[in-house]
């Protein structure tokens, strides 16, 4: 029997409106952001029980609450804060978060930042 060595929870293309941006033109109101994340979850015995899983519904709800908060200047800051929210669940060992602003540059499909953050305690 083969052993699972990694388990990931993935959210792609979460589209939200956020108060984000360092420029004056970006402070007039929210703008669209697109969020992708990959959460490295501690592999354990497979369970088909939702209560035992890292729920993408819960993660998305937490991201929505974060984005609804105060204005954030940098995509890097938002990505790190999202990673922190994800790492609040002790089963999440690492979070890769990409935040893109699809309307920020006319000639680009999106611009933004990506961060990879791991659990500080080094737990595997």
Protein backbone atom coordinates (compact mmCIF):
# COMPACT_ATOMS: atom_id res chain seq x y z
CA UNK A 1 0.00 0.00 0.00
CA UNK A 2 1.35 3.41 -0.96
CA UNK A 3 1.61 6.10 1.68
CA UNK A 4 0.35 9.65 1.22
CA UNK A 5 3.34 11.95 1.75
CA UNK A 6 1.57 15.24 1.09
CA UNK A 7 -1.95 16.53 1.17
CA UNK A 8 -3.00 19.92 -0.18
CA UNK A 9 -6.10 22.07 -0.06
CA UNK A 10 -6.37 24.30 -3.13
CA UNK A 11 -8.44 27.41 -3.86
CA UNK A 12 -8.04 28.95 -7.31
CA UNK A 13 -9.36 32.23 -8.63
CA UNK A 14 -11.27 33.44 -5.58
CA UNK A 15 -12.63 36.75 -6.88
CA UNK A 16 -13.32 39.43 -4.27
CA UNK A 17 -13.46 43.19 -4.10
CA UNK A 18 -10.82 44.62 -1.79
CA UNK A 19 -9.76 48.02 -0.58
CA UNK A 20 -6.18 47.66 -1.68
CA UNK A 21 -3.55 49.81 -3.31
CA UNK A 22 -0.85 52.35 -2.56
CA UNK A 23 -1.85 54.92 -5.19
CA UNK A 24 -4.42 57.67 -4.66
CA UNK A 25 -6.54 56.36 -7.54
CA UNK A 26 -6.82 53.05 -5.68
CA UNK A 27 -8.23 54.65 -2.56
CA UNK A 28 -11.53 55.72 -4.15
CA UNK A 29 -13.15 52.36 -3.51
CA UNK A 30 -12.64 48.64 -3.71
CA UNK A 31 -11.07 46.97 -6.71
CA UNK A 32 -11.17 43.35 -7.81
CA UNK A 33 -8.57 40.93 -6.56
CA UNK A 34 -8.05 37.30 -7.45
CA UNK A 35 -6.68 34.97 -4.80
CA UNK A 36 -5.07 31.56 -5.26
CA UNK A 37 -3.83 29.43 -2.42
CA UNK A 38 -2.30 26.05 -1.79
CA UNK A 39 -2.26 24.79 1.77
CA UNK A 40 0.11 22.00 2.73
CA UNK A 41 -1.82 19.89 5.21
CA UNK A 42 -0.26 17.34 7.51
CA UNK A 43 -0.91 13.94 5.98
CA UNK A 44 -2.60 11.57 8.31
CA UNK A 45 -4.95 8.67 8.11
CA UNK A 46 -7.55 9.25 5.42
CA UNK A 47 -10.91 10.18 6.85
CA UNK A 48 -14.00 10.99 4.87
CA UNK A 49 -15.23 13.13 7.77
CA UNK A 50 -15.65 16.84 7.01
CA UNK A 51 -14.97 17.70 10.66
CA UNK A 52 -11.49 16.16 10.33
CA UNK A 53 -10.59 18.09 7.17
CA UNK A 54 -9.22 21.57 6.57
CA UNK A 55 -12.37 23.07 5.10
CA UNK A 56 -11.95 25.34 2.10
CA UNK A 57 -15.34 26.84 3.00
CA UNK A 58 -13.96 27.92 6.38
CA UNK A 59 -10.75 29.22 4.80
CA UNK A 60 -12.70 31.24 2.22
CA UNK A 61 -14.99 32.68 4.91
CA UNK A 62 -11.93 33.81 6.90
CA UNK A 63 -10.41 35.40 3.79
CA UNK A 64 -13.68 37.24 3.09
CA UNK A 65 -13.64 38.66 6.65
CA UNK A 66 -10.03 39.76 6.24
CA UNK A 67 -10.64 41.44 2.88
CA UNK A 68 -13.70 43.24 4.29
CA UNK A 69 -11.46 44.97 6.85
CA UNK A 70 -9.34 48.08 6.61
CA UNK A 71 -7.58 49.33 3.48
CA UNK A 72 -4.33 47.51 2.71
CA UNK A 73 -1.66 49.18 0.58
CA UNK A 74 0.28 46.20 -0.77
CA UNK A 75 -0.67 42.89 -2.35
CA UNK A 76 2.27 41.42 -0.42
CA UNK A 77 0.69 42.49 2.87
CA UNK A 78 -2.68 40.98 1.95
CA UNK A 79 -1.02 37.73 0.84
CA UNK A 80 0.91 37.45 4.13
CA UNK A 81 -2.20 38.16 6.20
CA UNK A 82 -4.12 35.49 4.29
CA UNK A 83 -1.27 33.05 4.91
CA UNK A 84 -1.43 33.87 8.64
CA UNK A 85 -5.17 33.18 8.68
CA UNK A 86 -4.59 29.83 7.02
CA UNK A 87 -1.74 28.89 9.38
CA UNK A 88 -4.01 29.55 12.37
CA UNK A 89 -5.27 25.99 11.75
CA UNK A 90 -2.58 23.74 13.30
CA UNK A 91 -3.09 21.14 10.57
CA UNK A 92 -1.84 23.61 7.95
CA UNK A 93 1.94 23.35 7.72
CA UNK A 94 2.55 25.82 4.89
CA UNK A 95 0.55 28.25 2.79
CA UNK A 96 1.32 29.52 -0.68
CA UNK A 97 -0.84 32.57 -1.40
CA UNK A 98 -1.05 34.62 -4.59
CA UNK A 99 -2.94 37.92 -4.70
CA UNK A 100 -3.47 39.52 -8.10
CA UNK A 101 -5.14 42.74 -9.13
CA UNK A 102 -6.54 41.98 -12.60
CA UNK A 103 -7.43 45.58 -13.47
CA UNK A 104 -4.30 47.33 -12.17
CA UNK A 105 -2.28 47.32 -15.42
CA UNK A 106 -4.10 47.48 -18.74
CA UNK A 107 -1.53 45.39 -20.62
CA UNK A 108 -1.37 42.57 -18.06
CA UNK A 109 -3.85 39.86 -17.09
CA UNK A 110 -2.95 40.60 -13.48
CA UNK A 111 -0.23 41.94 -11.21
CA UNK A 112 0.37 41.16 -7.58
CA UNK A 113 2.43 39.11 -5.20
CA UNK A 114 2.93 35.56 -4.02
CA UNK A 115 4.18 34.48 -0.62
CA UNK A 116 5.06 31.11 0.85
CA UNK A 117 4.82 30.94 4.60
CA UNK A 118 5.48 27.95 6.82
CA UNK A 119 4.47 27.17 10.35
CA UNK A 120 6.91 28.83 12.75
CA UNK A 121 7.14 25.82 15.05
CA UNK A 122 8.54 23.71 12.23
CA UNK A 123 5.98 20.96 12.79
CA UNK A 124 5.75 18.47 9.97
